[in-house]
Amino acid sequence: MLKEFKEPTELINSTSFKMLSVKTQQSYIHHYNRLMNFTNNKSILDFKDELHELINILKEQDIPPSSKNSILNVISLLFNTKRFPIQSLTDYRDQLDKEHYIKKKETNLLLKEVLPSINELNNYTNELYSNQQYREYIINFLMINYGVRNMDVDLIITDNKKDINDIDNFLLITKKYISFIVNRYKTRDTYGSKRIKLETVPLQTAVKNLYKMCEKDTVCKLIINKDGTEVVDKNKYILHRTYGKMGEGKIFKSVISDYIKQGKIEKTKSYGMTRGTDITVILKDYYIE
């Protein structure tokens, strides 16, 4: 069982740590405490001349490679602050990356035979639109055409610019188009806020019709229960409204693989940018061929 630790002085006093965002700092403290639990509360810096031993302790833990990588980030920050050598850490990170890549490829190859084509996805969204299932249509349209994640479609619909802030996500209705304003998404710290002009006529119609259905003087949310109550599990809510309940990750893989097979490299890059994912990450983690 994970023990509770106070904020680690050796970590929070580091200049490099202070330069991190608050969210990243919280993550570092969490993973530092996990590591302290593995070492029975022995200071990380006490492993200065025994980094290989610390790495072996981490290797023995039955936790996902992503968690091990996060813990390696903590060790790296502390050791770099003191200018301690980290070669064995670098070697182990390379090993984890290779294992992660192999596992991703195996998973992606299994998906190859079952994922739908872009045409199938588009036919599904067209059917949603024809059936006036505007909420489901908007969710799927944004995921298929812009590669967005679940948290990106947790948004507010409005026709008033005064409602816009730099915290929430919005679909802002204007006379000529819909402005998709994305302030809250996974890689915002890297790419900043995004504004995407949506000019597709059916999409504009769906957004406007859904907005008309919202009660006056209330915040018009895309992710909301039929009775107007807040959705508790938004990921589950969105998953059940995607094509075949496949979720945003598999939709992204389907579209990316179709684009690459067709040689649409610039389209692939553009699709990755609207998601906030670099092309190198796309080719490594999402391409299913």
C-alpha atoms as a PDB file:
ATOM      1  CA  MET A   1       0.000   0.000   0.000  1.00  0.00           C
ATOM      2  CA  LEU A   2       1.299   3.466  -0.928  1.00  0.00           C
ATOM      3  CA  LYS A   3       2.357   5.473   2.102  1.00  0.00           C
ATOM      4  CA  GLU A   4       1.670   9.180   2.506  1.00  0.00           C
ATOM      5  CA  PHE A   5       4.677  11.489   2.433  1.00  0.00           C
ATOM      6  CA  LYS A   6       5.134  15.189   2.983  1.00  0.00           C
ATOM      7  CA  GLU A   7       6.250  17.333   0.080  1.00  0.00           C
ATOM      8  CA  PRO A   8       9.877  16.332  -0.541  1.00  0.00           C
ATOM      9  CA  THR A   9      12.277  19.179   0.192  1.00  0.00           C
ATOM     10  CA  GLU A  10      14.983  17.862  -2.137  1.00  0.00           C
ATOM     11  CA  LEU A  11      12.492  17.981  -4.988  1.00  0.00           C
ATOM     12  CA  ILE A  12      10.510  21.174  -4.386  1.00  0.00           C
ATOM     13  CA  ASN A  13      13.635  23.227  -3.699  1.00  0.00           C
ATOM     14  CA  SER A  14      15.087  22.340  -7.088  1.00  0.00           C
ATOM     15  CA  THR A  15      15.201  25.224  -9.584  1.00  0.00           C
ATOM     16  CA  SER A  16      14.119  22.888 -12.396  1.00  0.00           C
ATOM     17  CA  PHE A  17      11.099  21.780 -10.355  1.00  0.00           C
ATOM     18  CA  LYS A  18      10.023  25.387  -9.745  1.00  0.00           C
ATOM     19  CA  MET A  19       9.962  26.008 -13.498  1.00  0.00           C
ATOM     20  CA  LEU A  20       7.346  23.278 -14.046  1.00  0.00           C
ATOM     21  CA  SER A  21       3.597  23.975 -14.263  1.00  0.00           C
ATOM     22  CA  VAL A  22       1.563  23.388 -11.104  1.00  0.00           C
ATOM     23  CA  LYS A  23      -0.054  20.302 -12.642  1.00  0.00           C
ATOM     24  CA  THR A  24       3.341  18.830 -13.567  1.00  0.00           C
ATOM     25  CA  GLN A  25       4.711  19.624 -10.111  1.00  0.00           C
ATOM     26  CA  GLN A  26       1.833  17.683  -8.558  1.00  0.00           C
ATOM     27  CA  SER A  27       2.594  14.743 -10.846  1.00  0.00           C
ATOM     28  CA  TYR A  28       6.292  14.835  -9.898  1.00  0.00           C
ATOM     29  CA  ILE A  29       5.494  14.879  -6.179  1.00  0.00           C
ATOM     30  CA  HIS A  30       3.096  11.954  -6.610  1.00  0.00           C
ATOM     31  CA  HIS A  31       5.678   9.858  -8.460  1.00  0.00           C
ATOM     32  CA  TYR A  32       8.421  10.883  -6.053  1.00  0.00           C
ATOM     33  CA  ASN A  33       6.303   9.536  -3.201  1.00  0.00           C
ATOM     34  CA  ARG A  34       5.715   6.304  -5.107  1.00  0.00           C
ATOM     35  CA  LEU A  35       9.447   5.906  -5.520  1.00  0.00           C
ATOM     36  CA  MET A  36      10.043   6.652  -1.838  1.00  0.00           C
ATOM     37  CA  ASN A  37       7.591   3.890  -1.055  1.00  0.00           C
ATOM     38  CA  PHE A  38       9.606   1.487  -3.237  1.00  0.00           C
ATOM     39  CA  THR A  39      12.882   2.478  -1.505  1.00  0.00           C
ATOM     40  CA  ASN A  40      11.404   2.313   2.010  1.00  0.00           C
ATOM     41  CA  ASN A  41      11.776   6.070   2.400  1.00  0.00           C
ATOM     42  CA  LYS A  42      15.460   6.178   1.505  1.00  0.00           C
ATOM     43  CA  SER A  43      16.362   9.546  -0.061  1.00  0.00           C
ATOM     44  CA  ILE A  44      16.722   9.391  -3.847  1.00  0.00           C
ATOM     45  CA  LEU A  45      19.940  11.357  -3.745  1.00  0.00           C
ATOM     46  CA  ASP A  46      21.418   8.731  -1.416  1.00  0.00           C
ATOM     47  CA  PHE A  47      21.604   6.553  -4.524  1.00  0.00           C
ATOM     48  CA  LYS A  48      24.196   8.897  -6.051  1.00  0.00           C
ATOM     49  CA  ASP A  49      26.752   6.095  -6.476  1.00  0.00           C
ATOM     50  CA  GLU A  50      24.166   3.330  -6.721  1.00  0.00           C
ATOM     51  CA  LEU A  51      21.840   4.480  -9.472  1.00  0.00           C
ATOM     52  CA  HIS A  52      21.851   0.982 -10.973  1.00  0.00           C
ATOM     53  CA  GLU A  53      20.435  -0.299  -7.667  1.00  0.00           C
ATOM     54  CA  LEU A  54      17.667   2.300  -7.768  1.00  0.00           C
ATOM     55  CA  ILE A  55      16.889   1.324 -11.369  1.00  0.00           C
ATOM     56  CA  ASN A  56      16.727  -2.355 -10.367  1.00  0.00           C
ATOM     57  CA  ILE A  57      14.252  -1.485  -7.608  1.00  0.00           C
ATOM     58  CA  LEU A  58      12.088   0.273 -10.188  1.00  0.00           C
ATOM     59  CA  LYS A  59      12.373  -2.654 -12.629  1.00  0.00           C
ATOM     60  CA  GLU A  60      10.945  -4.994  -9.987  1.00  0.00           C
ATOM     61  CA  GLN A  61       7.744  -2.981  -9.582  1.00  0.00           C
ATOM     62  CA  ASP A  62       4.593  -4.286 -11.224  1.00  0.00           C
ATOM     63  CA  ILE A  63       3.488  -0.956 -12.659  1.00  0.00           C
ATOM     64  CA  PRO A  64       2.917   0.225 -16.265  1.00  0.00           C
ATOM     65  CA  PRO A  65       5.925   1.400 -18.324  1.00  0.00           C
ATOM     66  CA  SER A  66       4.359   4.878 -18.470  1.00  0.00           C
ATOM     67  CA  SER A  67       4.471   5.086 -14.658  1.00  0.00           C
ATOM     68  CA  LYS A  68       8.082   3.918 -14.644  1.00  0.00           C
ATOM     69  CA  ASN A  69       8.925   6.618 -17.180  1.00  0.00           C
ATOM     70  CA  SER A  70       7.268   9.246 -14.984  1.00  0.00           C
ATOM     71  CA  ILE A  71       9.361   8.086 -12.026  1.00  0.00           C
ATOM     72  CA  LEU A  72      12.490   8.210 -14.191  1.00  0.00           C
ATOM     73  CA  ASN A  73      11.656  11.853 -14.918  1.00  0.00           C
ATOM     74  CA  VAL A  74      11.762  12.576 -11.191  1.00  0.00           C
ATOM     75  CA  ILE A  75      15.106  10.800 -10.742  1.00  0.00           C
ATOM     76  CA  SER A  76      16.517  12.579 -13.783  1.00  0.00           C
ATOM     77  CA  LEU A  77      15.495  16.002 -12.472  1.00  0.00           C
ATOM     78  CA  LEU A  78      17.086  15.373  -9.069  1.00  0.00           C
ATOM     79  CA  PHE A  79      20.288  13.865 -10.431  1.00  0.00           C
ATOM     80  CA  ASN A  80      20.711  16.558 -13.090  1.00  0.00           C
ATOM     81  CA  THR A  81      20.274  19.245 -10.437  1.00  0.00           C
ATOM     82  CA  LYS A  82      23.270  17.786  -8.584  1.00  0.00           C
ATOM     83  CA  ARG A  83      25.071  16.937 -11.839  1.00  0.00           C
ATOM     84  CA  PHE A  84      25.142  13.255 -10.917  1.00  0.00           C
ATOM     85  CA  PRO A  85      25.759  10.779 -13.771  1.00  0.00           C
ATOM     86  CA  ILE A  86      22.574   9.237 -15.216  1.00  0.00           C
ATOM     87  CA  GLN A  87      23.794   6.843 -17.922  1.00  0.00           C
ATOM     88  CA  SER A  88      22.081   3.781 -16.443  1.00  0.00           C
ATOM     89  CA  LEU A  89      18.838   5.782 -16.229  1.00  0.00           C
ATOM     90  CA  THR A  90      19.151   6.742 -19.894  1.00  0.00           C
ATOM     91  CA  ASP A  91      19.792   3.120 -20.855  1.00  0.00           C
ATOM     92  CA  TYR A  92      16.734   1.927 -18.947  1.00  0.00           C
ATOM     93  CA  ARG A  93      14.542   4.636 -20.467  1.00  0.00           C
ATOM     94  CA  ASP A  94      15.647   3.498 -23.935  1.00  0.00           C
ATOM     95  CA  GLN A  95      14.712  -0.065 -22.979  1.00  0.00           C
ATOM     96  CA  LEU A  96      11.253   1.050 -21.787  1.00  0.00           C
ATOM     97  CA  ASP A  97      10.712   3.038 -24.976  1.00  0.00           C
ATOM     98  CA  LYS A  98      11.535  -0.026 -27.092  1.00  0.00           C
ATOM     99  CA  GLU A  99       9.177  -2.212 -25.042  1.00  0.00           C
ATOM    100  CA  HIS A 100       6.452   0.434 -25.327  1.00  0.00           C
ATOM    101  CA  TYR A 101       6.941   0.679 -29.100  1.00  0.00           C
ATOM    102  CA  ILE A 102       6.786  -3.113 -29.596  1.00  0.00           C
ATOM    103  CA  LYS A 103       3.644  -3.405 -27.467  1.00  0.00           C
ATOM    104  CA  LYS A 104       1.988  -0.506 -29.306  1.00  0.00           C
ATOM    105  CA  LYS A 105       2.743  -2.090 -32.674  1.00  0.00           C
ATOM    106  CA  GLU A 106       1.333  -5.438 -31.556  1.00  0.00           C
ATOM    107  CA  THR A 107      -1.858  -3.756 -30.337  1.00  0.00           C
ATOM    108  CA  ASN A 108      -2.173  -1.677 -33.492  1.00  0.00           C
ATOM    109  CA  LEU A 109      -1.742  -4.700 -35.761  1.00  0.00           C
ATOM    110  CA  LEU A 110      -4.605  -6.442 -33.967  1.00  0.00           C
ATOM    111  CA  LEU A 111      -6.760  -3.377 -34.644  1.00  0.00           C
ATOM    112  CA  LYS A 112      -5.923  -3.349 -38.353  1.00  0.00           C
ATOM    113  CA  GLU A 113      -8.654  -5.820 -39.289  1.00  0.00           C
ATOM    114  CA  VAL A 114     -11.427  -4.329 -37.159  1.00  0.00           C
ATOM    115  CA  LEU A 115     -11.137  -0.551 -37.404  1.00  0.00           C
ATOM    116  CA  PRO A 116     -13.531   1.189 -39.815  1.00  0.00           C
ATOM    117  CA  SER A 117     -12.494   3.291 -42.808  1.00  0.00           C
ATOM    118  CA  ILE A 118     -13.017   7.053 -43.008  1.00  0.00           C
ATOM    119  CA  ASN A 119     -15.949   6.408 -45.357  1.00  0.00           C
ATOM    120  CA  GLU A 120     -17.657   4.211 -42.757  1.00  0.00           C
ATOM    121  CA  LEU A 121     -17.111   6.852 -40.083  1.00  0.00           C
ATOM    122  CA  ASN A 122     -18.464   9.616 -42.321  1.00  0.00           C
ATOM    123  CA  ASN A 123     -21.498   7.534 -43.272  1.00  0.00           C
ATOM    124  CA  TYR A 124     -22.202   7.085 -39.578  1.00  0.00           C
ATOM    125  CA  THR A 125     -22.037  10.828 -38.863  1.00  0.00           C
ATOM    126  CA  ASN A 126     -24.280  11.544 -41.867  1.00  0.00           C
ATOM    127  CA  GLU A 127     -26.807   9.094 -40.460  1.00  0.00           C
ATOM    128  CA  LEU A 128     -26.682  10.821 -37.068  1.00  0.00           C
ATOM    129  CA  TYR A 129     -27.333  14.150 -38.769  1.00  0.00           C
ATOM    130  CA  SER A 130     -30.240  12.760 -40.801  1.00  0.00           C
ATOM    131  CA  ASN A 131     -31.784  11.396 -37.598  1.00  0.00           C
ATOM    132  CA  GLN A 132     -31.350  14.810 -35.931  1.00  0.00           C
ATOM    133  CA  GLN A 133     -29.082  13.300 -33.288  1.00  0.00           C
ATOM    134  CA  TYR A 134     -27.173  16.546 -33.190  1.00  0.00           C
ATOM    135  CA  ARG A 135     -25.282  15.989 -29.946  1.00  0.00           C
ATOM    136  CA  GLU A 136     -23.876  12.656 -31.132  1.00  0.00           C
ATOM    137  CA  TYR A 137     -23.251  14.120 -34.585  1.00  0.00           C
ATOM    138  CA  ILE A 138     -21.141  16.991 -33.236  1.00  0.00           C
ATOM    139  CA  ILE A 139     -19.060  14.697 -31.004  1.00  0.00           C
ATOM    140  CA  ASN A 140     -18.274  12.289 -33.858  1.00  0.00           C
ATOM    141  CA  PHE A 141     -17.768  15.043 -36.440  1.00  0.00           C
ATOM    142  CA  LEU A 142     -15.157  16.816 -34.315  1.00  0.00           C
ATOM    143  CA  MET A 143     -13.328  13.574 -33.510  1.00  0.00           C
ATOM    144  CA  ILE A 144     -13.310  12.306 -37.099  1.00  0.00           C
ATOM    145  CA  ASN A 145     -12.385  15.590 -38.764  1.00  0.00           C
ATOM    146  CA  TYR A 146     -10.128  17.188 -36.150  1.00  0.00           C
ATOM    147  CA  GLY A 147      -8.788  14.275 -34.100  1.00  0.00           C
ATOM    148  CA  VAL A 148      -9.862  15.775 -30.785  1.00  0.00           C
ATOM    149  CA  ARG A 149      -9.919  13.939 -27.468  1.00  0.00           C
ATOM    150  CA  ASN A 150     -12.788  13.460 -25.025  1.00  0.00           C
ATOM    151  CA  MET A 151     -11.869  16.474 -22.903  1.00  0.00           C
ATOM    152  CA  ASP A 152     -11.852  18.705 -26.012  1.00  0.00           C
ATOM    153  CA  VAL A 153     -15.556  18.082 -26.711  1.00  0.00           C
ATOM    154  CA  ASP A 154     -16.519  18.871 -23.133  1.00  0.00           C
ATOM    155  CA  LEU A 155     -17.565  22.318 -24.301  1.00  0.00           C
ATOM    156  CA  ILE A 156     -20.065  25.159 -24.171  1.00  0.00           C
ATOM    157  CA  ILE A 157     -22.157  26.360 -27.113  1.00  0.00           C
ATOM    158  CA  THR A 158     -22.855  30.094 -27.316  1.00  0.00           C
ATOM    159  CA  ASP A 159     -23.523  32.921 -29.766  1.00  0.00           C
ATOM    160  CA  ASN A 160     -22.218  35.592 -27.410  1.00  0.00           C
ATOM    161  CA  LYS A 161     -18.528  36.522 -27.523  1.00  0.00           C
ATOM    162  CA  LYS A 162     -18.812  37.858 -23.966  1.00  0.00           C
ATOM    163  CA  ASP A 163     -19.255  34.266 -22.739  1.00  0.00           C
ATOM    164  CA  ILE A 164     -15.795  33.284 -23.963  1.00  0.00           C
ATOM    165  CA  ASN A 165     -13.008  32.804 -21.427  1.00  0.00           C
ATOM    166  CA  ASP A 166      -9.527  31.268 -21.567  1.00  0.00           C
ATOM    167  CA  ILE A 167     -10.401  28.263 -19.404  1.00  0.00           C
ATOM    168  CA  ASP A 168     -13.299  26.415 -21.055  1.00  0.00           C
ATOM    169  CA  ASN A 169     -13.810  25.018 -24.559  1.00  0.00           C
ATOM    170  CA  PHE A 170     -16.450  26.585 -26.807  1.00  0.00           C
ATOM    171  CA  LEU A 171     -18.380  26.371 -30.042  1.00  0.00           C
ATOM    172  CA  LEU A 172     -19.003  30.054 -30.779  1.00  0.00           C
ATOM    173  CA  ILE A 173     -21.763  30.668 -33.326  1.00  0.00           C
ATOM    174  CA  THR A 174     -21.035  33.517 -35.749  1.00  0.00           C
ATOM    175  CA  LYS A 175     -22.869  34.630 -38.902  1.00  0.00           C
ATOM    176  CA  LYS A 176     -20.517  32.836 -41.311  1.00  0.00           C
ATOM    177  CA  TYR A 177     -19.016  29.949 -39.348  1.00  0.00           C
ATOM    178  CA  ILE A 178     -18.611  28.186 -36.001  1.00  0.00           C
ATOM    179  CA  SER A 179     -15.461  29.015 -34.061  1.00  0.00           C
ATOM    180  CA  PHE A 180     -14.166  25.972 -32.168  1.00  0.00           C
ATOM    181  CA  ILE A 181     -12.191  27.435 -29.262  1.00  0.00           C
ATOM    182  CA  VAL A 182     -10.085  24.891 -27.374  1.00  0.00           C
ATOM    183  CA  ASN A 183      -8.477  26.133 -24.158  1.00  0.00           C
ATOM    184  CA  ARG A 184      -8.509  22.909 -22.169  1.00  0.00           C
ATOM    185  CA  TYR A 185      -6.786  19.934 -23.793  1.00  0.00           C
ATOM    186  CA  LYS A 186      -3.960  17.499 -23.085  1.00  0.00           C
ATOM    187  CA  THR A 187      -1.057  19.329 -24.748  1.00  0.00           C
ATOM    188  CA  ARG A 188      -2.114  22.935 -24.145  1.00  0.00           C
ATOM    189  CA  ASP A 189       1.178  23.670 -22.342  1.00  0.00           C
ATOM    190  CA  THR A 190       2.981  22.846 -25.595  1.00  0.00           C
ATOM    191  CA  TYR A 191       0.680  24.342 -28.237  1.00  0.00           C
ATOM    192  CA  GLY A 192      -1.406  26.931 -26.384  1.00  0.00           C
ATOM    193  CA  SER A 193      -5.093  27.668 -27.021  1.00  0.00           C
ATOM    194  CA  LYS A 194      -6.536  26.701 -30.415  1.00  0.00           C
ATOM    195  CA  ARG A 195      -9.158  28.382 -32.599  1.00  0.00           C
ATOM    196  CA  ILE A 196     -10.529  26.351 -35.498  1.00  0.00           C
ATOM    197  CA  LYS A 197     -12.951  27.787 -38.065  1.00  0.00           C
ATOM    198  CA  LEU A 198     -15.745  25.274 -38.804  1.00  0.00           C
ATOM    199  CA  GLU A 199     -17.489  26.111 -42.073  1.00  0.00           C
ATOM    200  CA  THR A 200     -19.193  22.788 -42.909  1.00  0.00           C
ATOM    201  CA  VAL A 201     -22.889  23.606 -43.368  1.00  0.00           C
ATOM    202  CA  PRO A 202     -24.389  20.490 -41.657  1.00  0.00           C
ATOM    203  CA  LEU A 203     -22.107  21.047 -38.659  1.00  0.00           C
ATOM    204  CA  GLN A 204     -23.209  24.680 -38.386  1.00  0.00           C
ATOM    205  CA  THR A 205     -26.857  23.635 -38.638  1.00  0.00           C
ATOM    206  CA  ALA A 206     -26.426  20.961 -35.962  1.00  0.00           C
ATOM    207  CA  VAL A 207     -24.733  23.383 -33.546  1.00  0.00           C
ATOM    208  CA  LYS A 208     -27.375  26.084 -34.087  1.00  0.00           C
ATOM    209  CA  ASN A 209     -30.262  23.621 -33.676  1.00  0.00           C
ATOM    210  CA  LEU A 210     -28.777  22.167 -30.507  1.00  0.00           C
ATOM    211  CA  TYR A 211     -28.267  25.692 -29.158  1.00  0.00           C
ATOM    212  CA  LYS A 212     -31.943  26.500 -29.793  1.00  0.00           C
ATOM    213  CA  MET A 213     -32.896  23.437 -27.724  1.00  0.00           C
ATOM    214  CA  CYS A 214     -31.046  24.749 -24.682  1.00  0.00           C
ATOM    215  CA  GLU A 215     -33.117  26.589 -22.106  1.00  0.00           C
ATOM    216  CA  LYS A 216     -32.698  30.338 -21.997  1.00  0.00           C
ATOM    217  CA  ASP A 217     -30.401  31.795 -19.327  1.00  0.00           C
ATOM    218  CA  THR A 218     -28.613  28.463 -18.878  1.00  0.00           C
ATOM    219  CA  VAL A 219     -25.132  27.383 -19.975  1.00  0.00           C
ATOM    220  CA  CYS A 220     -25.583  25.293 -23.130  1.00  0.00           C
ATOM    221  CA  LYS A 221     -23.278  22.291 -22.669  1.00  0.00           C
ATOM    222  CA  LEU A 222     -22.573  19.640 -25.281  1.00  0.00           C
ATOM    223  CA  ILE A 223     -21.945  16.967 -22.644  1.00  0.00           C
ATOM    224  CA  ILE A 224     -25.111  16.932 -20.550  1.00  0.00           C
ATOM    225  CA  ASN A 225     -27.769  14.386 -19.572  1.00  0.00           C
ATOM    226  CA  LYS A 226     -31.201  14.496 -21.229  1.00  0.00           C
ATOM    227  CA  ASP A 227     -32.772  15.683 -17.980  1.00  0.00           C
ATOM    228  CA  GLY A 228     -30.303  18.583 -17.790  1.00  0.00           C
ATOM    229  CA  THR A 229     -28.246  17.132 -14.961  1.00  0.00           C
ATOM    230  CA  GLU A 230     -24.450  17.055 -15.016  1.00  0.00           C
ATOM    231  CA  VAL A 231     -22.720  13.990 -16.449  1.00  0.00           C
ATOM    232  CA  VAL A 232     -20.714  12.209 -13.757  1.00  0.00           C
ATOM    233  CA  ASP A 233     -18.542  10.007 -15.999  1.00  0.00           C
ATOM    234  CA  LYS A 234     -17.921  12.124 -19.100  1.00  0.00           C
ATOM    235  CA  ASN A 235     -15.494   9.670 -20.697  1.00  0.00           C
ATOM    236  CA  LYS A 236     -18.100   6.906 -20.546  1.00  0.00           C
ATOM    237  CA  TYR A 237     -20.805   9.264 -21.814  1.00  0.00           C
ATOM    238  CA  ILE A 238     -18.714  10.226 -24.846  1.00  0.00           C
ATOM    239  CA  LEU A 239     -17.518   6.652 -25.506  1.00  0.00           C
ATOM    240  CA  HIS A 240     -21.107   5.402 -25.787  1.00  0.00           C
ATOM    241  CA  ARG A 241     -21.856   8.065 -28.405  1.00  0.00           C
ATOM    242  CA  THR A 242     -18.949   7.336 -30.739  1.00  0.00           C
ATOM    243  CA  TYR A 243     -19.075   4.981 -33.723  1.00  0.00           C
ATOM    244  CA  GLY A 244     -19.346   1.410 -32.404  1.00  0.00           C
ATOM    245  CA  LYS A 245     -18.465   2.736 -28.936  1.00  0.00           C
ATOM    246  CA  MET A 246     -14.851   2.650 -30.137  1.00  0.00           C
ATOM    247  CA  GLY A 247     -13.720   5.887 -28.498  1.00  0.00           C
ATOM    248  CA  GLU A 248     -11.560   8.775 -29.630  1.00  0.00           C
ATOM    249  CA  GLY A 249      -8.251   6.878 -29.639  1.00  0.00           C
ATOM    250  CA  LYS A 250      -9.389   4.255 -32.142  1.00  0.00           C
ATOM    251  CA  ILE A 251     -11.142   6.854 -34.269  1.00  0.00           C
ATOM    252  CA  PHE A 252      -7.861   8.759 -34.454  1.00  0.00           C
ATOM    253  CA  LYS A 253      -5.981   5.598 -35.475  1.00  0.00           C
ATOM    254  CA  SER A 254      -8.564   4.823 -38.176  1.00  0.00           C
ATOM    255  CA  VAL A 255      -8.368   8.265 -39.751  1.00  0.00           C
ATOM    256  CA  ILE A 256      -4.574   8.554 -39.478  1.00  0.00           C
ATOM    257  CA  SER A 257      -4.029   5.151 -41.077  1.00  0.00           C
ATOM    258  CA  ASP A 258      -6.343   6.025 -43.983  1.00  0.00           C
ATOM    259  CA  TYR A 259      -4.563   9.338 -44.558  1.00  0.00           C
ATOM    260  CA  ILE A 260      -1.108   7.755 -44.533  1.00  0.00           C
ATOM    261  CA  LYS A 261      -2.140   4.894 -46.835  1.00  0.00           C
ATOM    262  CA  GLN A 262      -3.440   7.500 -49.290  1.00  0.00           C
ATOM    263  CA  GLY A 263      -0.174   9.452 -49.071  1.00  0.00           C
ATOM    264  CA  LYS A 264      -1.850  12.480 -47.478  1.00  0.00           C
ATOM    265  CA  ILE A 265       1.133  13.510 -45.352  1.00  0.00           C
ATOM    266  CA  GLU A 266       0.197  17.192 -45.051  1.00  0.00           C
ATOM    267  CA  LYS A 267      -3.351  16.190 -44.095  1.00  0.00           C
ATOM    268  CA  THR A 268      -1.876  13.861 -41.481  1.00  0.00           C
ATOM    269  CA  LYS A 269       0.240  16.677 -40.031  1.00  0.00           C
ATOM    270  CA  SER A 270      -2.737  19.047 -40.009  1.00  0.00           C
ATOM    271  CA  TYR A 271      -4.920  16.408 -38.314  1.00  0.00           C
ATOM    272  CA  GLY A 272      -2.233  15.909 -35.694  1.00  0.00           C
ATOM    273  CA  MET A 273      -1.932  19.649 -35.051  1.00  0.00           C
ATOM    274  CA  THR A 274      -5.664  20.089 -34.396  1.00  0.00           C
ATOM    275  CA  ARG A 275      -5.354  17.258 -31.869  1.00  0.00           C
ATOM    276  CA  GLY A 276      -2.109  18.640 -30.446  1.00  0.00           C
ATOM    277  CA  THR A 277       0.047  15.629 -31.379  1.00  0.00           C
ATOM    278  CA  ASP A 278       3.381  15.767 -33.216  1.00  0.00           C
ATOM    279  CA  ILE A 279       3.775  13.759 -36.442  1.00  0.00           C
ATOM    280  CA  THR A 280       6.598  11.663 -34.943  1.00  0.00           C
ATOM    281  CA  VAL A 281       4.314  10.575 -32.086  1.00  0.00           C
ATOM    282  CA  ILE A 282       1.550   9.806 -34.574  1.00  0.00           C
ATOM    283  CA  LEU A 283       3.769   7.518 -36.645  1.00  0.00           C
ATOM    284  CA  LYS A 284       5.129   5.797 -33.533  1.00  0.00           C
ATOM    285  CA  ASP A 285       1.953   5.299 -31.504  1.00  0.00           C
ATOM    286  CA  TYR A 286      -1.085   5.587 -33.782  1.00  0.00           C
ATOM    287  CA  TYR A 287      -0.282   4.290 -37.267  1.00  0.00           C
ATOM    288  CA  ILE A 288      -1.640   0.721 -37.401  1.00  0.00           C
ATOM    289  CA  GLU A 289       0.263  -0.609 -40.437  1.00  0.00           C
END
